[in-house]
N, C-alpha and C. Protein backbone atom coordinates (compact mmCIF):
# COMPACT_ATOMS: atom_id res chain seq x y z
N UNK A 1 171.88 147.25 -53.12
CA UNK A 1 172.42 146.82 -54.40
C UNK A 1 173.76 146.13 -54.21
N UNK A 2 174.62 146.65 -53.35
CA UNK A 2 175.93 146.04 -53.13
C UNK A 2 175.83 144.61 -52.63
N UNK A 3 174.89 144.35 -51.72
CA UNK A 3 174.72 142.98 -51.21
C UNK A 3 174.22 142.05 -52.31
N UNK A 4 173.36 142.55 -53.15
CA UNK A 4 172.86 141.73 -54.26
C UNK A 4 174.00 141.36 -55.19
N UNK A 5 174.87 142.30 -55.47
CA UNK A 5 176.02 142.01 -56.33
C UNK A 5 176.96 141.01 -55.66
N UNK A 6 177.16 141.16 -54.36
CA UNK A 6 178.03 140.25 -53.63
C UNK A 6 177.50 138.83 -53.61
N UNK A 7 176.19 138.67 -53.62
CA UNK A 7 175.57 137.35 -53.61
C UNK A 7 175.47 136.74 -55.00
N UNK A 8 175.74 137.51 -56.03
CA UNK A 8 175.63 137.04 -57.41
C UNK A 8 176.78 136.08 -57.72
N UNK A 9 176.45 134.87 -58.11
CA UNK A 9 177.49 133.88 -58.43
C UNK A 9 178.07 134.07 -59.83
N UNK A 10 177.48 134.94 -60.64
CA UNK A 10 177.97 135.21 -61.99
C UNK A 10 178.22 136.71 -62.17
N UNK A 11 179.31 137.24 -61.64
CA UNK A 11 179.54 138.69 -61.71
C UNK A 11 179.71 139.23 -63.12
N UNK A 12 179.86 138.36 -64.11
CA UNK A 12 179.93 138.82 -65.49
C UNK A 12 178.60 139.43 -65.92
N UNK A 13 177.50 138.88 -65.39
CA UNK A 13 176.17 139.36 -65.73
C UNK A 13 175.87 140.70 -65.07
N UNK A 14 176.25 140.84 -63.82
CA UNK A 14 176.11 142.11 -63.10
C UNK A 14 177.51 142.58 -62.76
N UNK A 15 178.05 143.53 -63.51
CA UNK A 15 179.42 143.97 -63.27
C UNK A 15 179.53 144.75 -61.97
N UNK A 16 179.76 144.04 -60.87
CA UNK A 16 179.72 144.64 -59.54
C UNK A 16 180.78 145.73 -59.35
N UNK A 17 181.83 145.75 -60.15
CA UNK A 17 182.82 146.81 -60.00
C UNK A 17 182.26 148.15 -60.44
N UNK A 18 181.12 148.14 -61.13
CA UNK A 18 180.47 149.38 -61.57
C UNK A 18 179.56 149.96 -60.50
N UNK A 19 179.31 149.24 -59.41
CA UNK A 19 178.45 149.72 -58.33
C UNK A 19 179.29 150.64 -57.44
N UNK A 20 178.83 151.89 -57.31
CA UNK A 20 179.55 152.87 -56.52
C UNK A 20 178.80 153.17 -55.23
N UNK A 21 179.55 153.54 -54.19
CA UNK A 21 178.92 153.94 -52.94
C UNK A 21 178.37 155.34 -53.04
N UNK A 22 177.55 155.73 -52.09
CA UNK A 22 176.96 157.06 -52.08
C UNK A 22 178.02 158.14 -51.90
N UNK A 23 179.11 157.80 -51.22
CA UNK A 23 180.16 158.78 -50.93
C UNK A 23 181.53 158.37 -51.47
N UNK A 24 181.55 157.75 -52.62
CA UNK A 24 182.84 157.34 -53.20
C UNK A 24 182.75 155.99 -53.89
N UNK A 25 183.88 155.35 -54.00
CA UNK A 25 183.95 154.08 -54.71
C UNK A 25 183.19 152.95 -54.05
N UNK A 26 183.15 152.93 -52.75
CA UNK A 26 182.56 151.80 -52.06
C UNK A 26 183.56 150.66 -52.01
N UNK A 27 183.14 149.51 -51.62
CA UNK A 27 184.03 148.37 -51.50
C UNK A 27 184.02 147.48 -52.72
N UNK A 28 184.81 146.41 -52.62
CA UNK A 28 184.87 145.42 -53.69
C UNK A 28 185.37 144.13 -53.07
N UNK A 29 184.56 143.07 -53.14
CA UNK A 29 184.88 141.84 -52.42
C UNK A 29 185.76 140.87 -53.20
N UNK A 30 186.04 141.13 -54.45
CA UNK A 30 186.87 140.22 -55.24
C UNK A 30 188.33 140.33 -54.81
N UNK A 31 189.13 139.41 -55.27
CA UNK A 31 190.56 139.42 -54.95
C UNK A 31 191.19 140.75 -55.34
N UNK A 32 191.97 141.31 -54.45
CA UNK A 32 192.62 142.58 -54.71
C UNK A 32 191.85 143.78 -54.19
N UNK A 33 190.60 143.56 -53.81
CA UNK A 33 189.80 144.62 -53.21
C UNK A 33 189.60 145.82 -54.12
N UNK A 34 189.63 146.99 -53.52
CA UNK A 34 189.35 148.24 -54.25
C UNK A 34 190.38 148.48 -55.35
N UNK A 35 191.61 148.02 -55.17
CA UNK A 35 192.62 148.19 -56.22
C UNK A 35 192.20 147.50 -57.51
N UNK A 36 191.58 146.33 -57.38
CA UNK A 36 191.08 145.62 -58.56
C UNK A 36 189.93 146.38 -59.19
N UNK A 37 189.06 146.95 -58.36
CA UNK A 37 187.94 147.75 -58.86
C UNK A 37 188.45 148.93 -59.67
N UNK A 38 189.45 149.64 -59.14
CA UNK A 38 190.04 150.78 -59.84
C UNK A 38 190.67 150.33 -61.16
N UNK A 39 191.40 149.21 -61.14
CA UNK A 39 192.01 148.69 -62.36
C UNK A 39 190.95 148.41 -63.42
N UNK A 40 189.86 147.74 -63.03
CA UNK A 40 188.81 147.40 -63.99
C UNK A 40 188.14 148.64 -64.57
N UNK A 41 187.88 149.64 -63.74
CA UNK A 41 187.27 150.87 -64.24
C UNK A 41 188.19 151.59 -65.21
N UNK A 42 189.47 151.64 -64.89
CA UNK A 42 190.44 152.27 -65.81
C UNK A 42 190.56 151.48 -67.10
N UNK A 43 190.59 150.16 -66.99
CA UNK A 43 190.72 149.28 -68.15
C UNK A 43 189.55 149.48 -69.12
N UNK A 44 188.36 149.74 -68.57
CA UNK A 44 187.17 149.97 -69.40
C UNK A 44 187.08 151.38 -69.95
N UNK A 45 187.97 152.24 -69.50
CA UNK A 45 187.88 153.63 -69.92
C UNK A 45 186.87 154.41 -69.10
N UNK A 46 186.54 153.92 -67.93
CA UNK A 46 185.55 154.58 -67.07
C UNK A 46 186.24 155.29 -65.91
N UNK A 47 187.45 155.76 -66.12
CA UNK A 47 188.20 156.42 -65.04
C UNK A 47 187.49 157.67 -64.54
N UNK A 48 186.58 158.23 -65.32
CA UNK A 48 185.82 159.39 -64.88
C UNK A 48 185.00 159.10 -63.63
N UNK A 49 184.69 157.85 -63.39
CA UNK A 49 183.94 157.46 -62.19
C UNK A 49 184.81 157.54 -60.94
N UNK A 50 186.13 157.64 -61.13
CA UNK A 50 187.04 157.64 -59.99
C UNK A 50 187.21 159.03 -59.36
N UNK A 51 186.67 160.03 -59.99
CA UNK A 51 186.84 161.41 -59.49
C UNK A 51 185.95 161.63 -58.29
């Protein structure tokens, strides 16, 4: 799933920051890396996924 999201040219359609790894957050290839992923999850009110 992560590779499919990475290959997606329209990340608005598949919100790749919502894809989590089996053992934690996983990676994030957009600018800012995992810090951007954490910001987006908090911004959406999905901070519960960060536990």
